[in-house]
N, C-alpha and C. Protein backbone atom coordinates (compact mmCIF):
# COMPACT_ATOMS: atom_id res chain seq x y z
N MET A 1 5.06 -10.24 9.12
CA MET A 1 5.98 -9.52 8.28
C MET A 1 6.39 -8.20 8.94
N PHE A 2 5.43 -7.51 9.52
CA PHE A 2 5.74 -6.24 10.19
C PHE A 2 6.66 -6.48 11.37
N LYS A 3 6.48 -7.60 12.04
CA LYS A 3 7.35 -7.94 13.18
C LYS A 3 8.79 -8.12 12.71
N PHE A 4 8.96 -8.75 11.55
CA PHE A 4 10.28 -8.95 10.96
C PHE A 4 10.96 -7.61 10.66
N ILE A 5 10.22 -6.68 10.06
CA ILE A 5 10.75 -5.36 9.72
C ILE A 5 11.06 -4.58 10.99
N LYS A 6 10.16 -4.64 11.95
CA LYS A 6 10.35 -3.91 13.20
C LYS A 6 11.59 -4.40 13.95
N GLN A 7 11.83 -5.69 13.92
CA GLN A 7 12.98 -6.27 14.61
C GLN A 7 14.29 -5.67 14.08
N TYR A 8 14.42 -5.55 12.77
CA TYR A 8 15.63 -5.00 12.19
C TYR A 8 15.67 -3.48 12.27
N ALA A 9 14.52 -2.84 12.24
CA ALA A 9 14.48 -1.39 12.33
C ALA A 9 14.89 -0.91 13.72
N GLU A 10 14.59 -1.70 14.74
CA GLU A 10 14.96 -1.31 16.10
C GLU A 10 16.46 -1.39 16.32
N LYS A 11 17.17 -2.19 15.53
CA LYS A 11 18.62 -2.30 15.66
C LYS A 11 19.36 -1.10 15.09
N ILE A 12 18.68 -0.34 14.22
CA ILE A 12 19.30 0.84 13.63
C ILE A 12 19.29 1.96 14.66
N GLU A 13 20.45 2.51 14.90
CA GLU A 13 20.57 3.55 15.92
C GLU A 13 19.95 4.85 15.41
N GLY A 14 19.17 5.50 16.25
CA GLY A 14 18.58 6.79 15.92
C GLY A 14 17.24 6.72 15.22
N ILE A 15 16.70 5.52 15.02
CA ILE A 15 15.39 5.42 14.37
C ILE A 15 14.30 5.63 15.41
N SER A 16 13.31 6.38 15.02
CA SER A 16 12.20 6.63 15.93
C SER A 16 10.97 5.86 15.48
N VAL A 17 9.88 6.09 16.14
CA VAL A 17 8.66 5.35 15.83
C VAL A 17 7.98 5.91 14.57
N TYR A 18 8.28 7.15 14.19
CA TYR A 18 7.59 7.77 13.05
C TYR A 18 7.87 7.08 11.71
N PRO A 19 9.09 6.69 11.40
CA PRO A 19 9.29 5.96 10.14
C PRO A 19 8.57 4.61 10.11
N ILE A 20 8.48 3.97 11.24
CA ILE A 20 7.78 2.69 11.31
C ILE A 20 6.29 2.90 11.07
N ILE A 21 5.72 3.94 11.67
CA ILE A 21 4.31 4.25 11.46
C ILE A 21 4.06 4.63 10.01
N ALA A 22 4.95 5.43 9.42
CA ALA A 22 4.79 5.83 8.03
C ALA A 22 4.83 4.62 7.10
N GLN A 23 5.73 3.69 7.36
CA GLN A 23 5.81 2.50 6.53
C GLN A 23 4.56 1.65 6.68
N PHE A 24 4.06 1.54 7.89
CA PHE A 24 2.84 0.77 8.12
C PHE A 24 1.65 1.39 7.38
N ILE A 25 1.53 2.72 7.42
CA ILE A 25 0.43 3.40 6.72
C ILE A 25 0.56 3.18 5.21
N PHE A 26 1.77 3.32 4.68
CA PHE A 26 1.98 3.11 3.25
C PHE A 26 1.62 1.69 2.84
N MET A 27 2.09 0.71 3.59
CA MET A 27 1.80 -0.68 3.24
C MET A 27 0.31 -0.98 3.32
N THR A 28 -0.36 -0.44 4.32
CA THR A 28 -1.80 -0.63 4.47
C THR A 28 -2.55 -0.03 3.28
N PHE A 29 -2.18 1.20 2.90
CA PHE A 29 -2.81 1.86 1.76
C PHE A 29 -2.59 1.06 0.48
N PHE A 30 -1.35 0.59 0.26
CA PHE A 30 -1.02 -0.17 -0.93
C PHE A 30 -1.82 -1.47 -1.00
N VAL A 31 -1.92 -2.18 0.08
CA VAL A 31 -2.67 -3.44 0.10
C VAL A 31 -4.17 -3.18 -0.13
N LEU A 32 -4.70 -2.14 0.48
CA LEU A 32 -6.12 -1.81 0.27
C LEU A 32 -6.40 -1.43 -1.18
N MET A 33 -5.49 -0.71 -1.80
CA MET A 33 -5.67 -0.35 -3.21
C MET A 33 -5.60 -1.59 -4.10
N LEU A 34 -4.73 -2.52 -3.80
CA LEU A 34 -4.67 -3.76 -4.56
C LEU A 34 -5.97 -4.55 -4.44
N ILE A 35 -6.50 -4.63 -3.25
CA ILE A 35 -7.77 -5.33 -3.04
C ILE A 35 -8.89 -4.64 -3.81
N TYR A 36 -8.91 -3.31 -3.78
CA TYR A 36 -9.93 -2.54 -4.49
C TYR A 36 -9.85 -2.79 -6.00
N VAL A 37 -8.65 -2.77 -6.55
CA VAL A 37 -8.48 -2.95 -7.99
C VAL A 37 -8.85 -4.37 -8.41
N PHE A 38 -8.46 -5.36 -7.64
CA PHE A 38 -8.78 -6.73 -8.02
C PHE A 38 -10.27 -7.06 -7.86
N ASN A 39 -10.99 -6.27 -7.09
CA ASN A 39 -12.42 -6.51 -6.91
C ASN A 39 -13.30 -5.64 -7.81
N MET A 40 -12.69 -4.84 -8.68
CA MET A 40 -13.47 -4.00 -9.59
C MET A 40 -14.20 -4.85 -10.63
N LYS A 41 -15.37 -4.36 -11.05
CA LYS A 41 -16.12 -5.05 -12.09
C LYS A 41 -15.46 -4.81 -13.44
N LYS A 42 -15.64 -5.76 -14.33
CA LYS A 42 -15.06 -5.66 -15.66
C LYS A 42 -15.61 -4.45 -16.41
N SER A 43 -16.87 -4.13 -16.24
CA SER A 43 -17.47 -3.00 -16.94
C SER A 43 -16.86 -1.67 -16.47
N THR A 44 -16.55 -1.57 -15.20
CA THR A 44 -15.92 -0.36 -14.68
C THR A 44 -14.50 -0.21 -15.23
N ILE A 45 -13.79 -1.31 -15.33
CA ILE A 45 -12.43 -1.28 -15.88
C ILE A 45 -12.46 -0.85 -17.34
N ASP A 46 -13.42 -1.39 -18.11
CA ASP A 46 -13.54 -1.01 -19.52
C ASP A 46 -13.87 0.47 -19.66
N GLU A 47 -14.74 0.97 -18.81
CA GLU A 47 -15.12 2.38 -18.85
C GLU A 47 -13.92 3.28 -18.56
N LEU A 48 -13.15 2.94 -17.53
CA LEU A 48 -11.98 3.74 -17.19
C LEU A 48 -10.87 3.61 -18.22
N GLU A 49 -10.81 2.45 -18.86
CA GLU A 49 -9.80 2.20 -19.88
C GLU A 49 -10.01 3.09 -21.10
N ASN A 50 -11.27 3.33 -21.44
CA ASN A 50 -11.59 4.12 -22.64
C ASN A 50 -11.74 5.60 -22.37
N LEU A 51 -11.62 6.02 -21.13
CA LEU A 51 -11.80 7.43 -20.78
C LEU A 51 -10.85 8.37 -21.53
N PRO A 52 -9.56 8.08 -21.65
CA PRO A 52 -8.68 9.02 -22.36
C PRO A 52 -9.01 9.15 -23.85
N LEU A 53 -9.62 8.15 -24.43
CA LEU A 53 -9.93 8.18 -25.86
C LEU A 53 -11.24 8.88 -26.17
N ASP A 54 -12.10 9.04 -25.19
CA ASP A 54 -13.41 9.65 -25.43
C ASP A 54 -13.34 11.16 -25.47
């Protein structure tokens, strides 16, 4: 997927490596957070869910 994005990003005139690195960091962080949330225990989710009401 990153190869697909990089291929089209290189065709844009004036683009440097920094936006590509920033997008890669963002995507990595987002995927890691999704993995973390889906692997949370049900008890932890219930605890965090009730925090604003306590």
